[in-house]
Structure formats: C-alpha cells, structure tokens
Amino acid sequence: MTSRIPTTNAPRLSTAPSSIKPRQLSHLHAQLAQLSANLADLENLLRMTSVQAESVRGLGAFHGGLFMAASKVLGEETIAGSAAVASSQQRSSGESET
C-alpha cells in the first residue's frame, strides 16, 4: 500500500525559514497597527465615559432632590389629611354624644 505523504525531509517552499520570518513580521506589524487603533478608540471611549459619568452624577443629585421634595410634599399632605380625618372624627363623635 502506498502512502500519499511524501517521505522526503526537504522543507516545503511555503514554510522555508527564509519566507516565514518576513511574513510573521508583517503579520505582527498588522496586529500592532490594529492594537494601536483599538487603544486610541478605547482612550476616546474612556474620555467620553468620564464626561458622561459626571453628567450621571448631576442627574443623580437632581433626582435625589426631586425625591426629597416629593417626600416632603406627600408627608405634609399625609399629615394634613390625617389631621382633617381626626378633626372630622372628633366632630362626628361630639355630635353623636349630644
């Protein structure tokens, strides 16, 4: 039975050491260029994220103020409502006693 694999130990031309190194260097250069571009994009995105984080902080403070104001208004309405209910109950209990 014959095998299809050549038995010679001679390197193929596509993998000869003289052609591997320049091709690898070219590939590394392309990867380095891509890495540099990605790092520049990352730097821009981080700068934008920093600006947005400051804006989100301001929005959080504004939101907190709105919650505190709403709590105060609703608390006053609850107190006024419970006082009105208590006074109406006292009036109705006073009228029922007479």
PDB file of N, CA and C in Angstrom:
ATOM      1  N   MET A   1       0.839  -1.162   0.000  1.00  0.00           N
ATOM      2  CA  MET A   1       0.000   0.000   0.000  1.00  0.00           C
ATOM      3  C   MET A   1       0.895   1.241   0.000  1.00  0.00           C
ATOM      4  N   THR A   2       0.602   2.173  -0.862  1.00  0.00           N
ATOM      5  CA  THR A   2       1.426   3.372  -0.958  1.00  0.00           C
ATOM      6  C   THR A   2       0.767   4.511  -0.194  1.00  0.00           C
ATOM      7  N   SER A   3       1.574   5.317   0.437  1.00  0.00           N
ATOM      8  CA  SER A   3       1.026   6.466   1.172  1.00  0.00           C
ATOM      9  C   SER A   3       1.139   7.711   0.302  1.00  0.00           C
ATOM     10  N   ARG A   4       0.263   8.647   0.563  1.00  0.00           N
ATOM     11  CA  ARG A   4       0.264   9.885  -0.212  1.00  0.00           C
ATOM     12  C   ARG A   4       1.197  10.930   0.396  1.00  0.00           C
ATOM     13  N   ILE A   5       1.678  10.706   1.595  1.00  0.00           N
ATOM     14  CA  ILE A   5       2.567  11.649   2.254  1.00  0.00           C
ATOM     15  C   ILE A   5       3.962  11.472   1.685  1.00  0.00           C
ATOM     16  N   PRO A   6       4.580  12.568   1.227  1.00  0.00           N
ATOM     17  CA  PRO A   6       5.948  12.413   0.696  1.00  0.00           C
ATOM     18  C   PRO A   6       6.907  12.068   1.825  1.00  0.00           C
ATOM     19  N   THR A   7       7.824  11.235   1.526  1.00  0.00           N
ATOM     20  CA  THR A   7       8.774  10.767   2.532  1.00  0.00           C
ATOM     21  C   THR A   7      10.042  11.596   2.564  1.00  0.00           C
ATOM     22  N   THR A   8      10.149  12.579   1.707  1.00  0.00           N
ATOM     23  CA  THR A   8      11.368  13.390   1.712  1.00  0.00           C
ATOM     24  C   THR A   8      11.343  14.339   2.899  1.00  0.00           C
ATOM     25  N   ASN A   9      12.486  14.647   3.432  1.00  0.00           N
ATOM     26  CA  ASN A   9      12.607  15.537   4.580  1.00  0.00           C
ATOM     27  C   ASN A   9      12.879  16.978   4.169  1.00  0.00           C
ATOM     28  N   ALA A  10      12.801  17.280   2.912  1.00  0.00           N
ATOM     29  CA  ALA A  10      13.054  18.643   2.442  1.00  0.00           C
ATOM     30  C   ALA A  10      11.871  19.531   2.835  1.00  0.00           C
ATOM     31  N   PRO A  11      12.134  20.725   3.362  1.00  0.00           N
ATOM     32  CA  PRO A  11      11.025  21.616   3.742  1.00  0.00           C
ATOM     33  C   PRO A  11      10.297  22.134   2.511  1.00  0.00           C
ATOM     34  N   ARG A  12       8.997  22.355   2.687  1.00  0.00           N
ATOM     35  CA  ARG A  12       8.234  22.919   1.579  1.00  0.00           C
ATOM     36  C   ARG A  12       8.656  24.372   1.398  1.00  0.00           C
ATOM     37  N   LEU A  13       8.448  24.887   0.224  1.00  0.00           N
ATOM     38  CA  LEU A  13       8.860  26.258  -0.049  1.00  0.00           C
ATOM     39  C   LEU A  13       8.024  27.261   0.750  1.00  0.00           C
ATOM     40  N   SER A  14       6.753  26.925   1.013  1.00  0.00           N
ATOM     41  CA  SER A  14       5.892  27.867   1.725  1.00  0.00           C
ATOM     42  C   SER A  14       6.273  27.982   3.196  1.00  0.00           C
ATOM     43  N   THR A  15       6.978  26.994   3.733  1.00  0.00           N
ATOM     44  CA  THR A  15       7.379  27.038   5.139  1.00  0.00           C
ATOM     45  C   THR A  15       8.888  27.136   5.311  1.00  0.00           C
ATOM     46  N   ALA A  16       9.565  27.507   4.293  1.00  0.00           N
ATOM     47  CA  ALA A  16      11.013  27.651   4.398  1.00  0.00           C
ATOM     48  C   ALA A  16      11.329  28.780   5.368  1.00  0.00           C
ATOM     49  N   PRO A  17      12.352  28.628   6.197  1.00  0.00           N
ATOM     50  CA  PRO A  17      12.678  29.643   7.204  1.00  0.00           C
ATOM     51  C   PRO A  17      12.879  31.033   6.622  1.00  0.00           C
ATOM     52  N   SER A  18      13.356  31.115   5.395  1.00  0.00           N
ATOM     53  CA  SER A  18      13.611  32.438   4.818  1.00  0.00           C
ATOM     54  C   SER A  18      12.312  33.190   4.527  1.00  0.00           C
ATOM     55  N   SER A  19      11.211  32.487   4.283  1.00  0.00           N
ATOM     56  CA  SER A  19       9.948  33.168   3.982  1.00  0.00           C
ATOM     57  C   SER A  19       9.052  33.303   5.210  1.00  0.00           C
ATOM     58  N   ILE A  20       9.332  32.547   6.259  1.00  0.00           N
ATOM     59  CA  ILE A  20       8.484  32.591   7.453  1.00  0.00           C
ATOM     60  C   ILE A  20       8.670  33.898   8.209  1.00  0.00           C
ATOM     61  N   LYS A  21       9.910  34.287   8.442  1.00  0.00           N
ATOM     62  CA  LYS A  21      10.175  35.443   9.288  1.00  0.00           C
ATOM     63  C   LYS A  21       9.583  36.743   8.727  1.00  0.00           C
ATOM     64  N   PRO A  22       9.786  37.076   7.481  1.00  0.00           N
ATOM     65  CA  PRO A  22       9.178  38.320   6.966  1.00  0.00           C
ATOM     66  C   PRO A  22       7.652  38.286   7.028  1.00  0.00           C
ATOM     67  N   ARG A  23       7.066  37.132   6.754  1.00  0.00           N
ATOM     68  CA  ARG A  23       5.606  37.019   6.807  1.00  0.00           C
ATOM     69  C   ARG A  23       5.116  37.180   8.238  1.00  0.00           C
ATOM     70  N   GLN A  24       5.816  36.574   9.195  1.00  0.00           N
ATOM     71  CA  GLN A  24       5.431  36.732  10.598  1.00  0.00           C
ATOM     72  C   GLN A  24       5.585  38.182  11.049  1.00  0.00           C
ATOM     73  N   LEU A  25       6.676  38.818  10.641  1.00  0.00           N
ATOM     74  CA  LEU A  25       6.879  40.222  10.997  1.00  0.00           C
ATOM     75  C   LEU A  25       5.798  41.107  10.387  1.00  0.00           C
ATOM     76  N   SER A  26       5.422  40.809   9.171  1.00  0.00           N
ATOM     77  CA  SER A  26       4.355  41.571   8.523  1.00  0.00           C
ATOM     78  C   SER A  26       3.037  41.383   9.273  1.00  0.00           C
ATOM     79  N   HIS A  27       2.770  40.155   9.679  1.00  0.00           N
ATOM     80  CA  HIS A  27       1.544  39.867  10.439  1.00  0.00           C
ATOM     81  C   HIS A  27       1.573  40.573  11.795  1.00  0.00           C
ATOM     82  N   LEU A  28       2.716  40.529  12.476  1.00  0.00           N
ATOM     83  CA  LEU A  28       2.845  41.223  13.762  1.00  0.00           C
ATOM     84  C   LEU A  28       2.682  42.732  13.600  1.00  0.00           C
ATOM     85  N   HIS A  29       3.209  43.272  12.513  1.00  0.00           N
ATOM     86  CA  HIS A  29       3.069  44.704  12.256  1.00  0.00           C
ATOM     87  C   HIS A  29       1.592  45.067  12.062  1.00  0.00           C
ATOM     88  N   ALA A  30       0.871  44.239  11.328  1.00  0.00           N
ATOM     89  CA  ALA A  30      -0.564  44.486  11.119  1.00  0.00           C
ATOM     90  C   ALA A  30      -1.322  44.390  12.443  1.00  0.00           C
ATOM     91  N   GLN A  31      -0.971  43.405  13.265  1.00  0.00           N
ATOM     92  CA  GLN A  31      -1.629  43.270  14.567  1.00  0.00           C
ATOM     93  C   GLN A  31      -1.310  44.453  15.474  1.00  0.00           C
ATOM     94  N   LEU A  32      -0.071  44.935  15.429  1.00  0.00           N
ATOM     95  CA  LEU A  32       0.314  46.098  16.233  1.00  0.00           C
ATOM     96  C   LEU A  32      -0.448  47.345  15.786  1.00  0.00           C
ATOM     97  N   ALA A  33      -0.620  47.503  14.485  1.00  0.00           N
ATOM     98  CA  ALA A  33      -1.392  48.645  13.971  1.00  0.00           C
ATOM     99  C   ALA A  33      -2.840  48.554  14.440  1.00  0.00           C
ATOM    100  N   GLN A  34      -3.410  47.358  14.405  1.00  0.00           N
ATOM    101  CA  GLN A  34      -4.789  47.166  14.872  1.00  0.00           C
ATOM    102  C   GLN A  34      -4.887  47.434  16.368  1.00  0.00           C
ATOM    103  N   LEU A  35      -3.902  46.985  17.130  1.00  0.00           N
ATOM    104  CA  LEU A  35      -3.885  47.223  18.573  1.00  0.00           C
ATOM    105  C   LEU A  35      -3.794  48.714  18.880  1.00  0.00           C
ATOM    106  N   SER A  36      -2.961  49.418  18.141  1.00  0.00           N
ATOM    107  CA  SER A  36      -2.836  50.867  18.341  1.00  0.00           C
ATOM    108  C   SER A  36      -4.150  51.573  18.035  1.00  0.00           C
ATOM    109  N   ALA A  37      -4.821  51.165  16.977  1.00  0.00           N
ATOM    110  CA  ALA A  37      -6.118  51.759  16.630  1.00  0.00           C
ATOM    111  C   ALA A  37      -7.147  51.464  17.715  1.00  0.00           C
ATOM    112  N   ASN A  38      -7.150  50.234  18.219  1.00  0.00           N
ATOM    113  CA  ASN A  38      -8.093  49.869  19.283  1.00  0.00           C
ATOM    114  C   ASN A  38      -7.812  50.646  20.564  1.00  0.00           C
ATOM    115  N   LEU A  39      -6.534  50.859  20.884  1.00  0.00           N
ATOM    116  CA  LEU A  39      -6.188  51.640  22.077  1.00  0.00           C
ATOM    117  C   LEU A  39      -6.621  53.093  21.931  1.00  0.00           C
ATOM    118  N   ALA A  40      -6.492  53.647  20.740  1.00  0.00           N
ATOM    119  CA  ALA A  40      -6.952  55.023  20.507  1.00  0.00           C
ATOM    120  C   ALA A  40      -8.467  55.108  20.675  1.00  0.00           C
ATOM    121  N   ASP A  41      -9.186  54.114  20.146  1.00  0.00           N
ATOM    122  CA  ASP A  41     -10.642  54.074  20.328  1.00  0.00           C
ATOM    123  C   ASP A  41     -10.997  53.957  21.803  1.00  0.00           C
ATOM    124  N   LEU A  42     -10.277  53.103  22.525  1.00  0.00           N
ATOM    125  CA  LEU A  42     -10.535  52.918  23.953  1.00  0.00           C
ATOM    126  C   LEU A  42     -10.303  54.214  24.719  1.00  0.00           C
ATOM    127  N   GLU A  43      -9.242  54.932  24.364  1.00  0.00           N
ATOM    128  CA  GLU A  43      -8.953  56.204  25.032  1.00  0.00           C
ATOM    129  C   GLU A  43     -10.090  57.199  24.814  1.00  0.00           C
ATOM    130  N   ASN A  44     -10.583  57.283  23.580  1.00  0.00           N
ATOM    131  CA  ASN A  44     -11.701  58.182  23.294  1.00  0.00           C
ATOM    132  C   ASN A  44     -12.958  57.764  24.050  1.00  0.00           C
ATOM    133  N   LEU A  45     -13.223  56.474  24.099  1.00  0.00           N
ATOM    134  CA  LEU A  45     -14.408  55.983  24.809  1.00  0.00           C
ATOM    135  C   LEU A  45     -14.306  56.240  26.307  1.00  0.00           C
ATOM    136  N   LEU A  46     -13.113  56.072  26.874  1.00  0.00           N
ATOM    137  CA  LEU A  46     -12.935  56.345  28.302  1.00  0.00           C
ATOM    138  C   LEU A  46     -13.113  57.826  28.606  1.00  0.00           C
ATOM    139  N   ARG A  47     -12.626  58.679  27.725  1.00  0.00           N
ATOM    140  CA  ARG A  47     -12.802  60.126  27.912  1.00  0.00           C
ATOM    141  C   ARG A  47     -14.293  60.471  27.880  1.00  0.00           C
ATOM    142  N   MET A  48     -15.014  59.893  26.922  1.00  0.00           N
ATOM    143  CA  MET A  48     -16.447  60.140  26.812  1.00  0.00           C
ATOM    144  C   MET A  48     -17.189  59.577  28.024  1.00  0.00           C
ATOM    145  N   THR A  49     -16.785  58.413  28.499  1.00  0.00           N
ATOM    146  CA  THR A  49     -17.408  57.809  29.676  1.00  0.00           C
ATOM    147  C   THR A  49     -17.198  58.677  30.903  1.00  0.00           C
ATOM    148  N   SER A  50     -16.034  59.285  31.022  1.00  0.00           N
ATOM    149  CA  SER A  50     -15.757  60.169  32.149  1.00  0.00           C
ATOM    150  C   SER A  50     -16.698  61.371  32.140  1.00  0.00           C
ATOM    151  N   VAL A  51     -16.890  61.965  30.970  1.00  0.00           N
ATOM    152  CA  VAL A  51     -17.808  63.107  30.855  1.00  0.00           C
ATOM    153  C   VAL A  51     -19.229  62.670  31.190  1.00  0.00           C
ATOM    154  N   GLN A  52     -19.629  61.504  30.687  1.00  0.00           N
ATOM    155  CA  GLN A  52     -20.981  61.016  30.946  1.00  0.00           C
ATOM    156  C   GLN A  52     -21.167  60.666  32.414  1.00  0.00           C
ATOM    157  N   ALA A  53     -20.129  60.173  33.070  1.00  0.00           N
ATOM    158  CA  ALA A  53     -20.240  59.842  34.496  1.00  0.00           C
ATOM    159  C   ALA A  53     -20.495  61.098  35.315  1.00  0.00           C
ATOM    160  N   GLU A  54     -19.848  62.204  34.947  1.00  0.00           N
ATOM    161  CA  GLU A  54     -20.103  63.466  35.645  1.00  0.00           C
ATOM    162  C   GLU A  54     -21.547  63.910  35.431  1.00  0.00           C
ATOM    163  N   SER A  55     -22.060  63.726  34.224  1.00  0.00           N
ATOM    164  CA  SER A  55     -23.450  64.092  33.941  1.00  0.00           C
ATOM    165  C   SER A  55     -24.417  63.206  34.716  1.00  0.00           C
ATOM    166  N   VAL A  56     -24.114  61.924  34.794  1.00  0.00           N
ATOM    167  CA  VAL A  56     -24.970  60.998  35.545  1.00  0.00           C
ATOM    168  C   VAL A  56     -24.959  61.361  37.024  1.00  0.00           C
ATOM    169  N   ARG A  57     -23.813  61.805  37.517  1.00  0.00           N
ATOM    170  CA  ARG A  57     -23.730  62.244  38.915  1.00  0.00           C
ATOM    171  C   ARG A  57     -24.661  63.430  39.153  1.00  0.00           C
ATOM    172  N   GLY A  58     -24.642  64.397  38.235  1.00  0.00           N
ATOM    173  CA  GLY A  58     -25.536  65.545  38.346  1.00  0.00           C
ATOM    174  C   GLY A  58     -26.991  65.135  38.279  1.00  0.00           C
ATOM    175  N   LEU A  59     -27.303  64.211  37.380  1.00  0.00           N
ATOM    176  CA  LEU A  59     -28.683  63.721  37.289  1.00  0.00           C
ATOM    177  C   LEU A  59     -29.098  63.008  38.569  1.00  0.00           C
ATOM    178  N   GLY A  60     -28.179  62.275  39.171  1.00  0.00           N
ATOM    179  CA  GLY A  60     -28.485  61.589  40.428  1.00  0.00           C
ATOM    180  C   GLY A  60     -28.790  62.573  41.536  1.00  0.00           C
ATOM    181  N   ALA A  61     -28.018  63.655  41.606  1.00  0.00           N
ATOM    182  CA  ALA A  61     -28.274  64.676  42.624  1.00  0.00           C
ATOM    183  C   ALA A  61     -29.626  65.334  42.380  1.00  0.00           C
ATOM    184  N   PHE A  62     -29.934  65.627  41.131  1.00  0.00           N
ATOM    185  CA  PHE A  62     -31.220  66.229  40.789  1.00  0.00           C
ATOM    186  C   PHE A  62     -32.368  65.288  41.148  1.00  0.00           C
ATOM    187  N   HIS A  63     -32.194  64.020  40.827  1.00  0.00           N
ATOM    188  CA  HIS A  63     -33.208  63.011  41.144  1.00  0.00           C
ATOM    189  C   HIS A  63     -33.412  62.902  42.653  1.00  0.00           C
ATOM    190  N   GLY A  64     -32.322  62.903  43.389  1.00  0.00           N
ATOM    191  CA  GLY A  64     -32.420  62.854  44.850  1.00  0.00           C
ATOM    192  C   GLY A  64     -33.189  64.045  45.387  1.00  0.00           C
ATOM    193  N   GLY A  65     -32.934  65.230  44.829  1.00  0.00           N
ATOM    194  CA  GLY A  65     -33.672  66.422  45.247  1.00  0.00           C
ATOM    195  C   GLY A  65     -35.154  66.296  44.964  1.00  0.00           C
ATOM    196  N   LEU A  66     -35.477  65.736  43.799  1.00  0.00           N
ATOM    197  CA  LEU A  66     -36.893  65.531  43.478  1.00  0.00           C
ATOM    198  C   LEU A  66     -37.545  64.552  44.446  1.00  0.00           C
ATOM    199  N   PHE A  67     -36.846  63.491  44.789  1.00  0.00           N
ATOM    200  CA  PHE A  67     -37.399  62.527  45.741  1.00  0.00           C
ATOM    201  C   PHE A  67     -37.610  63.159  47.111  1.00  0.00           C
ATOM    202  N   MET A  68     -36.644  63.959  47.544  1.00  0.00           N
ATOM    203  CA  MET A  68     -36.793  64.609  48.853  1.00  0.00           C
ATOM    204  C   MET A  68     -37.956  65.596  48.836  1.00  0.00           C
ATOM    205  N   ALA A  69     -38.099  66.359  47.743  1.00  0.00           N
ATOM    206  CA  ALA A  69     -39.207  67.307  47.645  1.00  0.00           C
ATOM    207  C   ALA A  69     -40.541  66.572  47.610  1.00  0.00           C
ATOM    208  N   ALA A  70     -40.611  65.493  46.852  1.00  0.00           N
ATOM    209  CA  ALA A  70     -41.852  64.718  46.787  1.00  0.00           C
ATOM    210  C   ALA A  70     -42.175  64.120  48.143  1.00  0.00           C
ATOM    211  N   SER A  71     -41.168  63.650  48.840  1.00  0.00           N
ATOM    212  CA  SER A  71     -41.389  63.084  50.171  1.00  0.00           C
ATOM    213  C   SER A  71     -41.926  64.143  51.120  1.00  0.00           C
ATOM    214  N   LYS A  72     -41.374  65.349  51.034  1.00  0.00           N
ATOM    215  CA  LYS A  72     -41.835  66.429  51.911  1.00  0.00           C
ATOM    216  C   LYS A  72     -43.279  66.790  51.589  1.00  0.00           C
ATOM    217  N   VAL A  73     -43.598  66.940  50.298  1.00  0.00           N
ATOM    218  CA  VAL A  73     -44.965  67.300  49.901  1.00  0.00           C
ATOM    219  C   VAL A  73     -45.941  66.207  50.303  1.00  0.00           C
ATOM    220  N   LEU A  74     -45.599  64.976  50.000  1.00  0.00           N
ATOM    221  CA  LEU A  74     -46.508  63.877  50.341  1.00  0.00           C
ATOM    222  C   LEU A  74     -46.617  63.708  51.844  1.00  0.00           C
ATOM    223  N   GLY A  75     -45.531  63.951  52.557  1.00  0.00           N
ATOM    224  CA  GLY A  75     -45.578  63.873  54.019  1.00  0.00           C
ATOM    225  C   GLY A  75     -46.489  64.935  54.595  1.00  0.00           C
ATOM    226  N   GLU A  76     -46.427  66.166  54.067  1.00  0.00           N
ATOM    227  CA  GLU A  76     -47.296  67.236  54.539  1.00  0.00           C
ATOM    228  C   GLU A  76     -48.749  66.932  54.213  1.00  0.00           C
ATOM    229  N   GLU A  77     -49.005  66.382  53.026  1.00  0.00           N
ATOM    230  CA  GLU A  77     -50.377  66.024  52.670  1.00  0.00           C
ATOM    231  C   GLU A  77     -50.897  64.927  53.579  1.00  0.00           C
ATOM    232  N   THR A  78     -50.046  63.982  53.912  1.00  0.00           N
ATOM    233  CA  THR A  78     -50.462  62.894  54.793  1.00  0.00           C
ATOM    234  C   THR A  78     -50.772  63.433  56.180  1.00  0.00           C
ATOM    235  N   ILE A  79     -49.925  64.332  56.675  1.00  0.00           N
ATOM    236  CA  ILE A  79     -50.153  64.921  58.000  1.00  0.00           C
ATOM    237  C   ILE A  79     -51.431  65.745  57.977  1.00  0.00           C
ATOM    238  N   ALA A  80     -51.611  66.576  56.938  1.00  0.00           N
ATOM    239  CA  ALA A  80     -52.818  67.402  56.832  1.00  0.00           C
ATOM    240  C   ALA A  80     -54.051  66.525  56.664  1.00  0.00           C
ATOM    241  N   GLY A  81     -53.930  65.470  55.880  1.00  0.00           N
ATOM    242  CA  GLY A  81     -55.059  64.555  55.680  1.00  0.00           C
ATOM    243  C   GLY A  81     -55.426  63.831  56.951  1.00  0.00           C
ATOM    244  N   SER A  82     -54.434  63.373  57.702  1.00  0.00           N
ATOM    245  CA  SER A  82     -54.733  62.659  58.952  1.00  0.00           C
ATOM    246  C   SER A  82     -55.295  63.619  59.992  1.00  0.00           C
ATOM    247  N   ALA A  83     -54.853  64.885  59.989  1.00  0.00           N
ATOM    248  CA  ALA A  83     -55.403  65.878  60.921  1.00  0.00           C
ATOM    249  C   ALA A  83     -56.847  66.179  60.556  1.00  0.00           C
ATOM    250  N   ALA A  84     -57.160  66.275  59.275  1.00  0.00           N
ATOM    251  CA  ALA A  84     -58.535  66.534  58.844  1.00  0.00           C
ATOM    252  C   ALA A  84     -59.429  65.360  59.196  1.00  0.00           C
ATOM    253  N   VAL A  85     -58.938  64.158  59.019  1.00  0.00           N
ATOM    254  CA  VAL A  85     -59.719  62.965  59.367  1.00  0.00           C
ATOM    255  C   VAL A  85     -59.949  62.919  60.867  1.00  0.00           C
ATOM    256  N   ALA A  86     -58.921  63.232  61.644  1.00  0.00           N
ATOM    257  CA  ALA A  86     -59.058  63.212  63.103  1.00  0.00           C
ATOM    258  C   ALA A  86     -60.048  64.268  63.566  1.00  0.00           C
ATOM    259  N   SER A  87     -59.995  65.468  62.993  1.00  0.00           N
ATOM    260  CA  SER A  87     -60.925  66.517  63.416  1.00  0.00           C
ATOM    261  C   SER A  87     -62.346  66.182  62.997  1.00  0.00           C
ATOM    262  N   SER A  88     -62.514  65.579  61.824  1.00  0.00           N
ATOM    263  CA  SER A  88     -63.870  65.202  61.408  1.00  0.00           C
ATOM    264  C   SER A  88     -64.397  64.064  62.273  1.00  0.00           C
ATOM    265  N   GLN A  89     -63.511  63.175  62.700  1.00  0.00           N
ATOM    266  CA  GLN A  89     -63.947  62.096  63.587  1.00  0.00           C
ATOM    267  C   GLN A  89     -64.326  62.656  64.953  1.00  0.00           C
ATOM    268  N   GLN A  90     -63.573  63.647  65.411  1.00  0.00           N
ATOM    269  CA  GLN A  90     -63.896  64.255  66.704  1.00  0.00           C
ATOM    270  C   GLN A  90     -65.231  64.989  66.619  1.00  0.00           C
ATOM    271  N   ARG A  91     -65.475  65.690  65.503  1.00  0.00           N
ATOM    272  CA  ARG A  91     -66.744  66.387  65.338  1.00  0.00           C
ATOM    273  C   ARG A  91     -67.899  65.401  65.291  1.00  0.00           C
ATOM    274  N   SER A  92     -67.695  64.309  64.546  1.00  0.00           N
ATOM    275  CA  SER A  92     -68.784  63.338  64.433  1.00  0.00           C
ATOM    276  C   SER A  92     -69.016  62.613  65.752  1.00  0.00           C
ATOM    277  N   SER A  93     -67.972  62.373  66.521  1.00  0.00           N
ATOM    278  CA  SER A  93     -68.161  61.724  67.821  1.00  0.00           C
ATOM    279  C   SER A  93     -68.783  62.703  68.809  1.00  0.00           C
ATOM    280  N   GLY A  94     -68.476  63.994  68.692  1.00  0.00           N
ATOM    281  CA  GLY A  94     -69.064  65.013  69.556  1.00  0.00           C
ATOM    282  C   GLY A  94     -70.536  65.196  69.250  1.00  0.00           C
ATOM    283  N   GLU A  95     -70.918  65.108  67.998  1.00  0.00           N
ATOM    284  CA  GLU A  95     -72.315  65.260  67.613  1.00  0.00           C
ATOM    285  C   GLU A  95     -73.122  64.047  68.032  1.00  0.00           C
ATOM    286  N   SER A  96     -72.526  62.882  67.997  1.00  0.00           N
ATOM    287  CA  SER A  96     -73.257  61.674  68.369  1.00  0.00           C
ATOM    288  C   SER A  96     -73.472  61.596  69.868  1.00  0.00           C
ATOM    289  N   GLU A  97     -72.627  62.255  70.667  1.00  0.00           N
ATOM    290  CA  GLU A  97     -72.774  62.236  72.114  1.00  0.00           C
ATOM    291  C   GLU A  97     -73.899  63.166  72.549  1.00  0.00           C
ATOM    292  N   THR A  98     -74.227  64.201  71.806  1.00  0.00           N
ATOM    293  CA  THR A  98     -75.273  65.143  72.218  1.00  0.00           C
ATOM    294  C   THR A  98     -76.633  64.733  71.820  1.00  0.00           C
TER     295      THR A  98
END
